[in-house]
Structures are given as C-alpha cells and as structure tokens.
Protein backbone atom coordinates (compact mmCIF):
# COMPACT_ATOMS: atom_id res chain seq x y z
CA MET A 1 0.16 -0.15 -0.13
CA ARG A 2 1.20 3.82 -1.14
CA PHE A 3 0.89 6.62 1.41
CA ASP A 4 1.42 10.04 -0.34
CA ILE A 5 2.42 11.95 2.70
CA LEU A 6 1.81 16.43 2.11
CA THR A 7 3.32 18.34 4.66
CA LEU A 8 5.65 21.06 6.20
CA PHE A 9 8.21 18.82 7.95
CA PRO A 10 8.78 16.00 6.67
CA THR A 11 11.35 15.23 9.01
CA MET A 12 8.91 14.26 11.56
CA PHE A 13 7.95 11.25 10.76
CA ASP A 14 11.50 10.29 10.47
CA GLY A 15 11.36 8.37 14.24
CA PRO A 16 7.59 7.11 14.55
CA LEU A 17 7.84 5.19 10.09
CA GLY A 18 11.40 4.37 10.44
CA GLU A 19 11.13 2.22 13.45
CA SER A 20 9.28 -1.40 14.95
CA ILE A 21 6.80 -2.71 12.45
CA ILE A 22 6.37 0.70 10.14
CA LYS A 23 9.55 0.41 8.88
CA ARG A 24 10.02 -3.93 8.33
CA ALA A 25 6.85 -3.51 6.43
CA ALA A 26 8.40 -0.96 3.61
CA ASP A 27 11.88 -3.10 4.07
CA ASP A 28 10.20 -5.45 2.97
CA GLY A 29 7.56 -3.98 0.19
CA LEU A 30 4.69 -4.10 2.00
CA LEU A 31 4.46 -0.44 2.33
CA ASP A 32 5.59 2.40 0.34
CA ILE A 33 6.00 5.77 2.73
CA ARG A 34 6.87 9.00 0.40
CA ARG A 35 6.96 12.23 2.08
CA TYR A 36 6.37 15.95 0.28
CA ASN A 37 7.98 19.25 0.92
CA ILE A 38 4.00 21.39 0.57
CA ARG A 39 7.30 24.70 0.89
CA ASP A 40 8.52 22.93 -2.82
CA TYR A 41 5.54 24.42 -4.28
CA ALA A 42 5.60 27.49 -3.68
CA THR A 43 6.72 30.36 -6.14
CA ASP A 44 8.28 33.32 -4.58
CA ARG A 45 11.73 33.97 -3.59
CA HIS A 46 10.62 33.45 0.38
CA LYS A 47 8.88 30.28 -0.29
CA SER A 48 5.11 31.82 1.44
CA VAL A 49 3.28 28.79 1.83
CA ASP A 50 0.93 31.55 4.51
CA ASP A 51 -0.52 34.54 4.78
CA ALA A 52 -3.12 36.77 7.39
CA PRO A 53 -5.80 35.94 7.06
CA TYR A 54 -8.86 38.22 5.46
CA GLY A 55 -10.70 40.39 7.81
CA GLY A 56 -7.79 39.99 9.91
CA GLY A 57 -7.97 37.10 12.92
CA ALA A 58 -4.26 35.67 14.64
CA GLY A 59 -2.35 32.86 12.91
CA MET A 60 -1.36 32.76 9.61
CA VAL A 61 -3.26 30.51 6.53
CA MET A 62 -1.98 28.47 4.06
CA LYS A 63 -2.16 29.30 0.82
CA VAL A 64 -4.89 28.34 -1.65
CA ASP A 65 -2.08 27.78 -4.48
CA VAL A 66 0.49 26.79 -3.18
CA LEU A 67 -1.66 23.33 -1.92
CA ALA A 68 -3.91 23.07 -5.33
CA ARG A 69 -0.27 22.71 -6.80
CA ALA A 70 1.27 20.49 -4.59
CA VAL A 71 -1.99 18.48 -4.07
CA GLY A 72 -2.09 18.12 -8.53
CA ASP A 73 1.26 16.71 -8.69
CA VAL A 74 1.76 14.79 -6.74
CA VAL A 75 -2.04 13.02 -7.39
CA GLY A 76 -1.53 14.17 -10.65
CA ASP A 77 -4.58 11.84 -12.73
CA ALA A 78 -5.30 9.58 -10.90
CA VAL A 79 -8.24 8.56 -8.82
CA VAL A 80 -6.91 7.84 -5.07
CA PRO A 81 -8.63 9.26 -1.42
CA VAL A 82 -7.17 12.79 -1.23
CA ILE A 83 -7.42 13.17 2.49
CA LEU A 84 -6.94 16.90 5.36
CA MET A 85 -6.43 15.93 8.47
CA THR A 86 -8.35 18.33 10.48
CA PRO A 87 -10.05 19.12 13.64
CA GLN A 88 -13.05 20.15 11.48
CA GLY A 89 -12.56 16.09 9.69
CA ARG A 90 -14.62 12.83 11.27
CA VAL A 91 -12.95 11.57 13.77
CA PHE A 92 -11.16 8.66 13.16
CA THR A 93 -11.94 5.19 14.76
CA GLN A 94 -10.61 1.53 13.37
CA GLN A 95 -13.77 1.15 11.15
CA ILE A 96 -12.23 3.98 8.90
CA ALA A 97 -8.88 2.39 8.93
CA ALA A 98 -10.38 -0.67 7.79
CA GLU A 99 -11.88 1.15 5.37
CA LEU A 100 -8.85 2.96 4.46
CA ALA A 101 -6.75 -0.52 4.19
CA GLN A 102 -8.41 -1.70 1.60
CA GLN A 103 -7.13 0.77 -1.27
CA PRO A 104 -3.92 1.09 -2.36
CA ARG A 105 -3.61 4.60 -2.31
CA ILE A 106 -4.15 7.00 -0.21
CA VAL A 107 -2.85 10.42 -0.02
CA LEU A 108 -3.11 12.82 3.18
CA VAL A 109 -2.38 15.83 3.54
CA CYS A 110 -1.21 18.02 7.18
CA GLY A 111 -3.35 21.34 7.72
CA HIS A 112 -0.76 23.58 9.56
CA TYR A 113 -0.58 27.51 11.24
CA GLU A 114 -4.74 29.09 11.86
CA GLY A 115 -6.24 26.63 9.63
CA ILE A 116 -6.37 27.05 5.48
CA ASP A 117 -7.77 28.88 2.61
CA GLU A 118 -11.47 27.24 2.70
CA ARG A 119 -11.12 27.48 -1.13
CA ALA A 120 -8.73 25.05 -1.18
CA MET A 121 -11.26 22.26 0.08
CA SER A 122 -11.83 21.19 -3.48
CA LEU A 123 -8.92 19.42 -3.36
CA PHE A 124 -10.10 17.24 -0.53
CA SER A 125 -12.53 13.85 -0.92
CA ASP A 126 -12.29 13.39 3.14
CA GLN A 127 -11.43 15.45 6.15
CA ILE A 128 -10.57 13.28 9.63
CA SER A 129 -9.62 14.24 12.23
CA ILE A 130 -8.04 11.97 15.61
CA GLY A 131 -10.46 13.52 18.33
CA ASP A 132 -12.04 16.52 19.42
CA TYR A 133 -8.14 18.34 20.62
CA VAL A 134 -6.25 20.68 18.70
CA LEU A 135 -2.93 20.11 17.52
CA THR A 136 0.11 22.29 16.14
CA GLY A 137 -0.38 20.83 12.83
CA GLY A 138 -1.64 17.75 11.70
CA GLU A 139 1.81 16.17 11.42
CA LEU A 140 0.29 13.86 14.15
CA ALA A 141 -2.46 13.24 13.36
CA ALA A 142 -0.95 11.89 9.83
CA MET A 143 1.28 9.50 12.12
CA VAL A 144 -1.59 8.59 13.57
CA VAL A 145 -3.36 7.26 10.96
CA VAL A 146 -0.38 5.84 8.73
CA ASP A 147 -0.33 3.58 11.75
CA ALA A 148 -3.35 2.21 12.65
CA VAL A 149 -4.34 1.76 8.48
CA ALA A 150 -0.43 -0.13 7.51
CA ARG A 151 -0.59 -2.50 10.48
CA LEU A 152 -3.93 -3.83 8.56
CA VAL A 153 -2.26 -4.05 5.42
CA PRO A 154 -2.52 -8.23 5.24
CA GLY A 155 1.46 -8.74 5.45
CA VAL A 156 2.14 -6.72 7.74
CA LEU A 157 1.33 -8.68 10.84
CA ALA A 158 0.37 -11.83 11.61
CA GLU A 159 -2.99 -13.22 10.44
CA ALA A 160 -5.06 -13.56 13.60
CA SER A 161 -3.40 -10.38 15.04
CA PRO A 162 -6.13 -7.55 14.01
CA GLN A 163 -8.95 -9.55 14.80
CA GLU A 164 -8.48 -9.61 18.57
CA GLU A 165 -7.47 -6.31 19.57
CA SER A 166 -9.51 -3.88 20.41
CA HIS A 167 -12.13 -2.27 18.67
CA SER A 168 -11.49 -4.88 15.72
CA GLY A 169 -14.78 -6.75 17.00
CA GLY A 170 -17.00 -3.82 18.53
CA LEU A 171 -14.90 -4.23 21.59
CA LEU A 172 -11.83 -3.66 23.72
CA GLU A 173 -10.01 -6.54 24.67
CA TYR A 174 -9.66 -9.20 26.93
CA PRO A 175 -6.88 -8.61 29.31
CA GLN A 176 -3.15 -11.26 28.17
CA TYR A 177 -1.34 -12.87 30.45
CA THR A 178 2.29 -14.28 30.34
CA ARG A 179 5.16 -15.11 32.16
CA PRO A 180 5.92 -15.61 35.22
CA PRO A 181 3.17 -17.70 36.61
CA ALA A 182 2.99 -15.47 39.83
CA TRP A 183 4.61 -12.00 40.42
CA GLN A 184 3.42 -10.62 43.37
CA GLY A 185 0.76 -12.39 44.90
CA GLN A 186 -1.15 -12.49 41.70
CA ALA A 187 -1.56 -15.91 39.47
CA ILE A 188 -2.83 -16.20 35.56
CA PRO A 189 -6.74 -16.95 35.89
CA PRO A 190 -6.85 -20.91 36.26
CA MET A 191 -9.25 -20.83 33.19
CA LEU A 192 -5.79 -19.49 31.29
CA LEU A 193 -3.98 -22.97 32.06
CA SER A 194 -6.61 -25.73 31.51
CA GLY A 195 -6.16 -26.40 27.74
CA HIS A 196 -9.75 -26.53 26.71
CA HIS A 197 -9.99 -23.86 24.11
CA ALA A 198 -13.39 -23.35 24.16
CA GLU A 199 -13.60 -21.97 27.31
CA ILE A 200 -11.03 -19.74 26.99
CA ALA A 201 -12.65 -18.59 24.14
CA ARG A 202 -15.98 -18.24 25.91
CA TRP A 203 -13.74 -16.54 29.01
CA ARG A 204 -11.95 -14.09 26.40
CA ARG A 205 -14.80 -12.85 24.73
CA LYS A 206 -16.48 -12.77 28.94
CA GLN A 207 -13.95 -10.23 29.82
CA ALA A 208 -14.12 -8.77 26.31
CA LEU A 209 -17.86 -6.92 26.86
CA ALA A 210 -17.31 -6.99 30.94
CA ARG A 211 -14.37 -4.61 30.35
CA THR A 212 -15.87 -2.43 27.56
CA ARG A 213 -19.02 -2.91 30.28
CA GLU A 214 -17.18 -1.50 32.65
CA HIS A 215 -15.02 1.17 31.00
CA ARG A 216 -16.32 1.64 27.11
CA PRO A 217 -20.29 1.61 27.16
CA ASP A 218 -20.18 3.92 24.40
CA LEU A 219 -18.76 0.89 22.58
CA LEU A 220 -20.60 -1.60 23.69
CA ALA A 221 -23.79 0.27 22.87
CA ARG A 222 -23.09 -0.31 19.33
CA ALA A 223 -21.03 -2.91 18.81
CA PRO A 224 -22.92 -6.09 17.18
CA LEU A 225 -23.38 -8.45 19.50
CA SER A 226 -24.59 -12.45 18.89
CA ALA A 227 -27.19 -14.14 21.46
CA ALA A 228 -23.99 -15.92 23.14
CA ASP A 229 -22.70 -12.86 23.60
CA ARG A 230 -26.16 -11.61 25.46
CA LYS A 231 -26.16 -14.63 27.63
CA LEU A 232 -22.52 -13.41 28.56
CA LEU A 233 -23.78 -9.98 29.17
CA ALA A 234 -26.29 -11.38 31.73
CA GLU A 235 -23.56 -12.85 33.54
CA ILE A 236 -21.63 -10.45 34.11
CA GLU A 237 -24.29 -8.47 35.15
CA ARG A 238 -25.87 -11.02 37.85
CA ASP A 239 -22.02 -10.62 38.93
CA ALA A 240 -21.61 -7.34 39.61
CA SER A 241 -25.10 -7.53 40.91
CA THR A 242 -23.52 -10.17 43.21
CA THR A 243 -20.66 -8.32 44.10
CA GLU A 244 -22.29 -4.88 45.11
CA THR A 245 -24.51 -7.38 47.78
CA GLU A 246 -21.71 -8.73 49.09
CA THR A 247 -20.00 -5.71 49.57
C-alpha cells in the first residue's frame, strides 16, 4: 500500500515511520511511504506557504495556490482518496482505518497554522480528525492514521493479530498474561491454564464484554452482539449485582 504525505515538516516522520513494524513492512515492500514538502511548491523567493487572513485575526492561513500545486503534482490523474488532517474532520475510528486499508493508495495532507484557505477544500475527498482537540499541525494525526491503517494491510502483522485487538469487533480486548505464572501474589487466571480452548475462548469473550461494559459503555451500545454475547452480558450483570450485594 502506498501513502503520500504532504507536509511542511517531512523530517517529523523519520522516527515514527522508521522504527518497528512499519519500518519492517516498508523494507519488505508491503508499504510505500512517500513524503512531500509543501514548501517546495511555493513560487516566490521566500518560499511562502501562508499569509495573514482576510478580515484580520490571529495566526496565518495556508495558501490555496501552493496547496493546489502540491496536491495536483502528487495526485496527477490518479483517482485516490485525498484526505486533509483537520480538527473539523470526521473522528478517526478502527472502522475508518479498515476502510482505508482496502485502498491501494491514499494521500494525506497535513494542515498547519490557523488553518487553510477555504477555497482549497475542493482538493480533498475526505477530512479526518483523530480527536476533539487541537494539535500544532496535522503531522502527528497523519502518523496515527498511517500506523493504524498500515497494520491492517495484509502481511504487515500476523494474520490473526488485528482480529483480536481492541475495537476490531466493536469491543475492547480481553486481558492478556504471560510468564511468570505468579508475580507479587497475583496468579494467572486458572482458565488460561486449563487447555480447554473452547472454554478459554468463552472466558476471553466474557472478559472483553465486561471490560467494554466498564470502561467504554458507548462502544458496547453500538457493538454487533450475538445471542451468546447477550447471555454472557446477563452473567456479567448478575456477577456485578452479587458483588455489590456482598460489599
């Protein structure tokens, strides 16, 4: 999969995209991550990419003509998603990551300063935000999108890994344990040592439901639940009621 990233600060991506799983996937030819400096498309001698807003106000605004040249040069005649990273965009989710992972190529444009000239909005097919807060620029948001999408590209991770992670099925992930079997008086749940795979799977599903119910009830309300899930939730409710009664 190919990622084209348009930014004023290309070197910001060196660390996050040059380490760990993303680097290995790029070295193996599974990912093609390209960065373009928007400033290279400025035509004046100062390489200006922003200017003061009409009507006054704080901050600077990125120029539409520079952005148009940058996007036009990178995209050319290709039909690809061109996504602006902006606090005004739709909030990024695992579902959106999965949708984007189906694309052979996406273009991410990092906004900066006070914003971009409104006339540039026609350049973008989508706008994405990673949360209801404001960052200095779109670079960190673009890194998040690349990481979340790239790990869903076939071959980047072990086949089963993304299927069991938090948010993959609408729930948070169940608790995980490894050696040592006992630590500071805390033991591994006996079920995980039983060797009964069907019962382990049931225990994990119940734990995922319980964790989501406790920490993210909003996710649970939207999750696609089976009849078996609803039965487990009923057990969780009874367990919680019993605990409250005992205390």
